[in-house]
Each structure stands twice: as C-alpha cells, then as structure tokens.
Amino acid sequence: MGAAVGYGFVQITESVLPWTLAASGGMMLYVISHEMIPESHSRGNAKHATGGLMIGFALMLILDIALG
C-alpha cells in the first residue's frame, strides 16, 4: 500500500518538478537582485555595479547553454 502511494506521489511531482524549479529560481533571482542592487548602488559606482551584475547574468546564461 505504501509503495503504491509513494509511486503515485513520485509520478505527480515528477511532472511538476520543472515548474517548481523554475519558480524557485525566479524567486531566488528576485531576492538576490532586491538585496544586491540597492546595496551596490548606495556605495557609488552605480554603473560599474549594474554592469557587473549584467555581465554575471550573461556569463551564467552562456555557461548554462554551453554546458547543457
């Protein structure tokens, strides 16, 4: 009985897993940007801080595509 319930739970969560991972990744990006951007701009060098953040996001996107 427990194996059947476990199997059913895995089948349900397996189809939802990509959506939950995408949502949690988006939430993490929001929290990081909400904390990092104002703090880095408060110290001056706003252009450098924004450029560094954009380069970091672009680099992570390139690495994700390149490494699969």
PDB file of N, CA and C in Angstrom:
ATOM      1  N   MET A   1       0.824  -1.187   0.000  1.00  0.00           N
ATOM      2  CA  MET A   1       0.000   0.000   0.000  1.00  0.00           C
ATOM      3  C   MET A   1       0.873   1.258   0.000  1.00  0.00           C
ATOM      4  N   GLY A   2       1.869   1.284   0.861  1.00  0.00           N
ATOM      5  CA  GLY A   2       2.759   2.440   0.929  1.00  0.00           C
ATOM      6  C   GLY A   2       3.545   2.637  -0.354  1.00  0.00           C
ATOM      7  N   ALA A   3       3.933   1.535  -0.989  1.00  0.00           N
ATOM      8  CA  ALA A   3       4.669   1.632  -2.254  1.00  0.00           C
ATOM      9  C   ALA A   3       3.797   2.241  -3.337  1.00  0.00           C
ATOM     10  N   ALA A   4       2.529   1.901  -3.354  1.00  0.00           N
ATOM     11  CA  ALA A   4       1.609   2.456  -4.355  1.00  0.00           C
ATOM     12  C   ALA A   4       1.417   3.952  -4.138  1.00  0.00           C
ATOM     13  N   VAL A   5       1.282   4.362  -2.887  1.00  0.00           N
ATOM     14  CA  VAL A   5       1.140   5.787  -2.580  1.00  0.00           C
ATOM     15  C   VAL A   5       2.422   6.530  -2.947  1.00  0.00           C
ATOM     16  N   GLY A   6       3.562   5.958  -2.610  1.00  0.00           N
ATOM     17  CA  GLY A   6       4.843   6.572  -2.964  1.00  0.00           C
ATOM     18  C   GLY A   6       5.032   6.687  -4.458  1.00  0.00           C
ATOM     19  N   TYR A   7       4.668   5.650  -5.189  1.00  0.00           N
ATOM     20  CA  TYR A   7       4.779   5.673  -6.646  1.00  0.00           C
ATOM     21  C   TYR A   7       3.878   6.754  -7.242  1.00  0.00           C
ATOM     22  N   GLY A   8       2.667   6.852  -6.751  1.00  0.00           N
ATOM     23  CA  GLY A   8       1.745   7.885  -7.236  1.00  0.00           C
ATOM     24  C   GLY A   8       2.257   9.284  -6.942  1.00  0.00           C
ATOM     25  N   PHE A   9       2.823   9.473  -5.751  1.00  0.00           N
ATOM     26  CA  PHE A   9       3.373  10.777  -5.382  1.00  0.00           C
ATOM     27  C   PHE A   9       4.535  11.158  -6.284  1.00  0.00           C
ATOM     28  N   VAL A  10       5.405  10.212  -6.586  1.00  0.00           N
ATOM     29  CA  VAL A  10       6.547  10.473  -7.470  1.00  0.00           C
ATOM     30  C   VAL A  10       6.070  10.825  -8.868  1.00  0.00           C
ATOM     31  N   GLN A  11       5.062  10.142  -9.362  1.00  0.00           N
ATOM     32  CA  GLN A  11       4.550  10.424 -10.704  1.00  0.00           C
ATOM     33  C   GLN A  11       3.952  11.826 -10.787  1.00  0.00           C
ATOM     34  N   ILE A  12       3.271  12.244  -9.744  1.00  0.00           N
ATOM     35  CA  ILE A  12       2.669  13.582  -9.732  1.00  0.00           C
ATOM     36  C   ILE A  12       3.749  14.649  -9.630  1.00  0.00           C
ATOM     37  N   THR A  13       4.682  14.484  -8.708  1.00  0.00           N
ATOM     38  CA  THR A  13       5.698  15.509  -8.502  1.00  0.00           C
ATOM     39  C   THR A  13       6.710  15.553  -9.639  1.00  0.00           C
ATOM     40  N   GLU A  14       6.920  14.454 -10.321  1.00  0.00           N
ATOM     41  CA  GLU A  14       7.876  14.432 -11.425  1.00  0.00           C
ATOM     42  C   GLU A  14       7.419  15.339 -12.563  1.00  0.00           C
ATOM     43  N   SER A  15       6.132  15.404 -12.822  1.00  0.00           N
ATOM     44  CA  SER A  15       5.634  16.254 -13.897  1.00  0.00           C
ATOM     45  C   SER A  15       5.620  17.727 -13.497  1.00  0.00           C
ATOM     46  N   VAL A  16       5.596  18.021 -12.209  1.00  0.00           N
ATOM     47  CA  VAL A  16       5.542  19.396 -11.722  1.00  0.00           C
ATOM     48  C   VAL A  16       6.941  19.928 -11.404  1.00  0.00           C
ATOM     49  N   LEU A  17       7.918  19.059 -11.318  1.00  0.00           N
ATOM     50  CA  LEU A  17       9.264  19.438 -10.903  1.00  0.00           C
ATOM     51  C   LEU A  17       9.872  20.570 -11.730  1.00  0.00           C
ATOM     52  N   PRO A  18       9.829  20.557 -13.063  1.00  0.00           N
ATOM     53  CA  PRO A  18      10.412  21.679 -13.808  1.00  0.00           C
ATOM     54  C   PRO A  18       9.766  23.020 -13.473  1.00  0.00           C
ATOM     55  N   TRP A  19       8.473  23.016 -13.244  1.00  0.00           N
ATOM     56  CA  TRP A  19       7.780  24.273 -12.927  1.00  0.00           C
ATOM     57  C   TRP A  19       8.168  24.783 -11.544  1.00  0.00           C
ATOM     58  N   THR A  20       8.292  23.882 -10.585  1.00  0.00           N
ATOM     59  CA  THR A  20       8.667  24.314  -9.246  1.00  0.00           C
ATOM     60  C   THR A  20      10.120  24.774  -9.195  1.00  0.00           C
ATOM     61  N   LEU A  21      10.995  24.122  -9.954  1.00  0.00           N
ATOM     62  CA  LEU A  21      12.389  24.570 -10.006  1.00  0.00           C
ATOM     63  C   LEU A  21      12.501  25.935 -10.668  1.00  0.00           C
ATOM     64  N   ALA A  22      11.731  26.169 -11.730  1.00  0.00           N
ATOM     65  CA  ALA A  22      11.741  27.472 -12.393  1.00  0.00           C
ATOM     66  C   ALA A  22      11.209  28.557 -11.464  1.00  0.00           C
ATOM     67  N   ALA A  23      10.148  28.254 -10.739  1.00  0.00           N
ATOM     68  CA  ALA A  23       9.581  29.230  -9.810  1.00  0.00           C
ATOM     69  C   ALA A  23      10.557  29.547  -8.678  1.00  0.00           C
ATOM     70  N   SER A  24      11.195  28.536  -8.129  1.00  0.00           N
ATOM     71  CA  SER A  24      12.142  28.790  -7.043  1.00  0.00           C
ATOM     72  C   SER A  24      13.368  29.539  -7.548  1.00  0.00           C
ATOM     73  N   GLY A  25      13.800  29.260  -8.775  1.00  0.00           N
ATOM     74  CA  GLY A  25      14.909  30.020  -9.355  1.00  0.00           C
ATOM     75  C   GLY A  25      14.546  31.479  -9.562  1.00  0.00           C
ATOM     76  N   GLY A  26      13.342  31.729 -10.031  1.00  0.00           N
ATOM     77  CA  GLY A  26      12.881  33.108 -10.201  1.00  0.00           C
ATOM     78  C   GLY A  26      12.785  33.849  -8.882  1.00  0.00           C
ATOM     79  N   MET A  27      12.296  33.166  -7.854  1.00  0.00           N
ATOM     80  CA  MET A  27      12.220  33.781  -6.532  1.00  0.00           C
ATOM     81  C   MET A  27      13.609  34.106  -6.003  1.00  0.00           C
ATOM     82  N   MET A  28      14.549  33.209  -6.230  1.00  0.00           N
ATOM     83  CA  MET A  28      15.916  33.436  -5.769  1.00  0.00           C
ATOM     84  C   MET A  28      16.540  34.630  -6.483  1.00  0.00           C
ATOM     85  N   LEU A  29      16.320  34.737  -7.797  1.00  0.00           N
ATOM     86  CA  LEU A  29      16.826  35.890  -8.539  1.00  0.00           C
ATOM     87  C   LEU A  29      16.219  37.185  -8.027  1.00  0.00           C
ATOM     88  N   TYR A  30      14.929  37.163  -7.702  1.00  0.00           N
ATOM     89  CA  TYR A  30      14.277  38.361  -7.178  1.00  0.00           C
ATOM     90  C   TYR A  30      14.900  38.773  -5.851  1.00  0.00           C
ATOM     91  N   VAL A  31      15.074  37.825  -4.952  1.00  0.00           N
ATOM     92  CA  VAL A  31      15.628  38.141  -3.636  1.00  0.00           C
ATOM     93  C   VAL A  31      17.049  38.675  -3.767  1.00  0.00           C
ATOM     94  N   ILE A  32      17.847  38.034  -4.596  1.00  0.00           N
ATOM     95  CA  ILE A  32      19.232  38.471  -4.769  1.00  0.00           C
ATOM     96  C   ILE A  32      19.289  39.866  -5.367  1.00  0.00           C
ATOM     97  N   SER A  33      18.507  40.105  -6.421  1.00  0.00           N
ATOM     98  CA  SER A  33      18.542  41.424  -7.055  1.00  0.00           C
ATOM     99  C   SER A  33      17.946  42.486  -6.141  1.00  0.00           C
ATOM    100  N   HIS A  34      16.953  42.129  -5.357  1.00  0.00           N
ATOM    101  CA  HIS A  34      16.334  43.081  -4.434  1.00  0.00           C
ATOM    102  C   HIS A  34      17.326  43.503  -3.350  1.00  0.00           C
ATOM    103  N   GLU A  35      18.196  42.603  -2.948  1.00  0.00           N
ATOM    104  CA  GLU A  35      19.182  42.909  -1.915  1.00  0.00           C
ATOM    105  C   GLU A  35      20.462  43.512  -2.493  1.00  0.00           C
ATOM    106  N   MET A  36      20.936  42.990  -3.609  1.00  0.00           N
ATOM    107  CA  MET A  36      22.248  43.364  -4.132  1.00  0.00           C
ATOM    108  C   MET A  36      22.250  44.715  -4.846  1.00  0.00           C
ATOM    109  N   ILE A  37      21.256  44.979  -5.670  1.00  0.00           N
ATOM    110  CA  ILE A  37      21.287  46.191  -6.487  1.00  0.00           C
ATOM    111  C   ILE A  37      21.242  47.453  -5.628  1.00  0.00           C
ATOM    112  N   PRO A  38      20.294  47.612  -4.698  1.00  0.00           N
ATOM    113  CA  PRO A  38      20.309  48.843  -3.892  1.00  0.00           C
ATOM    114  C   PRO A  38      21.573  48.986  -3.042  1.00  0.00           C
ATOM    115  N   GLU A  39      22.074  47.878  -2.519  1.00  0.00           N
ATOM    116  CA  GLU A  39      23.271  47.957  -1.682  1.00  0.00           C
ATOM    117  C   GLU A  39      24.490  48.371  -2.501  1.00  0.00           C
ATOM    118  N   SER A  40      24.622  47.836  -3.694  1.00  0.00           N
ATOM    119  CA  SER A  40      25.776  48.197  -4.518  1.00  0.00           C
ATOM    120  C   SER A  40      25.664  49.621  -5.041  1.00  0.00           C
ATOM    121  N   HIS A  41      24.464  50.122  -5.261  1.00  0.00           N
ATOM    122  CA  HIS A  41      24.297  51.496  -5.732  1.00  0.00           C
ATOM    123  C   HIS A  41      24.467  52.504  -4.604  1.00  0.00           C
ATOM    124  N   SER A  42      24.263  52.100  -3.374  1.00  0.00           N
ATOM    125  CA  SER A  42      24.391  53.033  -2.259  1.00  0.00           C
ATOM    126  C   SER A  42      25.844  53.413  -2.004  1.00  0.00           C
ATOM    127  N   ARG A  43      26.768  52.628  -2.458  1.00  0.00           N
ATOM    128  CA  ARG A  43      28.189  52.899  -2.251  1.00  0.00           C
ATOM    129  C   ARG A  43      28.805  53.691  -3.403  1.00  0.00           C
ATOM    130  N   GLY A  44      28.002  54.154  -4.336  1.00  0.00           N
ATOM    131  CA  GLY A  44      28.526  54.824  -5.516  1.00  0.00           C
ATOM    132  C   GLY A  44      28.841  53.790  -6.582  1.00  0.00           C
ATOM    133  N   ASN A  45      29.456  54.210  -7.649  1.00  0.00           N
ATOM    134  CA  ASN A  45      29.808  53.306  -8.750  1.00  0.00           C
ATOM    135  C   ASN A  45      28.604  52.517  -9.255  1.00  0.00           C
ATOM    136  N   ALA A  46      27.477  53.195  -9.428  1.00  0.00           N
ATOM    137  CA  ALA A  46      26.249  52.515  -9.843  1.00  0.00           C
ATOM    138  C   ALA A  46      26.409  51.879 -11.214  1.00  0.00           C
ATOM    139  N   LYS A  47      27.108  52.552 -12.118  1.00  0.00           N
ATOM    140  CA  LYS A  47      27.278  51.997 -13.465  1.00  0.00           C
ATOM    141  C   LYS A  47      28.127  50.731 -13.430  1.00  0.00           C
ATOM    142  N   HIS A  48      29.177  50.731 -12.637  1.00  0.00           N
ATOM    143  CA  HIS A  48      30.021  49.542 -12.524  1.00  0.00           C
ATOM    144  C   HIS A  48      29.248  48.382 -11.889  1.00  0.00           C
ATOM    145  N   ALA A  49      28.474  48.691 -10.868  1.00  0.00           N
ATOM    146  CA  ALA A  49      27.711  47.641 -10.190  1.00  0.00           C
ATOM    147  C   ALA A  49      26.662  47.037 -11.114  1.00  0.00           C
ATOM    148  N   THR A  50      25.949  47.880 -11.849  1.00  0.00           N
ATOM    149  CA  THR A  50      24.930  47.379 -12.772  1.00  0.00           C
ATOM    150  C   THR A  50      25.575  46.590 -13.902  1.00  0.00           C
ATOM    151  N   GLY A  51      26.677  47.093 -14.434  1.00  0.00           N
ATOM    152  CA  GLY A  51      27.387  46.379 -15.497  1.00  0.00           C
ATOM    153  C   GLY A  51      27.899  45.028 -15.036  1.00  0.00           C
ATOM    154  N   GLY A  52      28.437  44.977 -13.833  1.00  0.00           N
ATOM    155  CA  GLY A  52      28.921  43.709 -13.293  1.00  0.00           C
ATOM    156  C   GLY A  52      27.812  42.703 -13.095  1.00  0.00           C
ATOM    157  N   LEU A  53      26.661  43.180 -12.635  1.00  0.00           N
ATOM    158  CA  LEU A  53      25.517  42.289 -12.462  1.00  0.00           C
ATOM    159  C   LEU A  53      25.037  41.755 -13.802  1.00  0.00           C
ATOM    160  N   MET A  54      24.968  42.610 -14.805  1.00  0.00           N
ATOM    161  CA  MET A  54      24.525  42.181 -16.134  1.00  0.00           C
ATOM    162  C   MET A  54      25.518  41.209 -16.758  1.00  0.00           C
ATOM    163  N   ILE A  55      26.807  41.470 -16.597  1.00  0.00           N
ATOM    164  CA  ILE A  55      27.825  40.553 -17.121  1.00  0.00           C
ATOM    165  C   ILE A  55      27.738  39.200 -16.409  1.00  0.00           C
ATOM    166  N   GLY A  56      27.492  39.228 -15.105  1.00  0.00           N
ATOM    167  CA  GLY A  56      27.347  37.982 -14.354  1.00  0.00           C
ATOM    168  C   GLY A  56      26.168  37.150 -14.826  1.00  0.00           C
ATOM    169  N   PHE A  57      25.022  37.798 -15.050  1.00  0.00           N
ATOM    170  CA  PHE A  57      23.853  37.074 -15.563  1.00  0.00           C
ATOM    171  C   PHE A  57      24.131  36.515 -16.952  1.00  0.00           C
ATOM    172  N   ALA A  58      24.760  37.325 -17.813  1.00  0.00           N
ATOM    173  CA  ALA A  58      25.064  36.863 -19.170  1.00  0.00           C
ATOM    174  C   ALA A  58      26.036  35.687 -19.139  1.00  0.00           C
ATOM    175  N   LEU A  59      27.038  35.754 -18.278  1.00  0.00           N
ATOM    176  CA  LEU A  59      28.006  34.668 -18.166  1.00  0.00           C
ATOM    177  C   LEU A  59      27.336  33.379 -17.694  1.00  0.00           C
ATOM    178  N   MET A  60      26.447  33.486 -16.725  1.00  0.00           N
ATOM    179  CA  MET A  60      25.745  32.296 -16.249  1.00  0.00           C
ATOM    180  C   MET A  60      24.843  31.723 -17.334  1.00  0.00           C
ATOM    181  N   LEU A  61      24.211  32.579 -18.134  1.00  0.00           N
ATOM    182  CA  LEU A  61      23.373  32.104 -19.234  1.00  0.00           C
ATOM    183  C   LEU A  61      24.218  31.381 -20.272  1.00  0.00           C
ATOM    184  N   ILE A  62      25.369  31.946 -20.615  1.00  0.00           N
ATOM    185  CA  ILE A  62      26.264  31.320 -21.593  1.00  0.00           C
ATOM    186  C   ILE A  62      26.762  29.968 -21.076  1.00  0.00           C
ATOM    187  N   LEU A  63      27.156  29.920 -19.812  1.00  0.00           N
ATOM    188  CA  LEU A  63      27.622  28.657 -19.237  1.00  0.00           C
ATOM    189  C   LEU A  63      26.510  27.614 -19.193  1.00  0.00           C
ATOM    190  N   ASP A  64      25.296  28.053 -18.896  1.00  0.00           N
ATOM    191  CA  ASP A  64      24.174  27.116 -18.868  1.00  0.00           C
ATOM    192  C   ASP A  64      23.922  26.528 -20.245  1.00  0.00           C
ATOM    193  N   ILE A  65      23.980  27.361 -21.268  1.00  0.00           N
ATOM    194  CA  ILE A  65      23.752  26.876 -22.632  1.00  0.00           C
ATOM    195  C   ILE A  65      24.916  25.999 -23.094  1.00  0.00           C
ATOM    196  N   ALA A  66      26.139  26.423 -22.799  1.00  0.00           N
ATOM    197  CA  ALA A  66      27.315  25.695 -23.268  1.00  0.00           C
ATOM    198  C   ALA A  66      27.466  24.334 -22.580  1.00  0.00           C
ATOM    199  N   LEU A  67      27.161  24.290 -21.300  1.00  0.00           N
ATOM    200  CA  LEU A  67      27.367  23.052 -20.545  1.00  0.00           C
ATOM    201  C   LEU A  67      26.119  22.181 -20.477  1.00  0.00           C
ATOM    202  N   GLY A  68      25.014  22.723 -20.948  1.00  0.00           N
ATOM    203  CA  GLY A  68      23.777  21.928 -21.002  1.00  0.00           C
ATOM    204  C   GLY A  68      23.128  21.878 -19.706  1.00  0.00           C
TER     205      GLY A  68
END
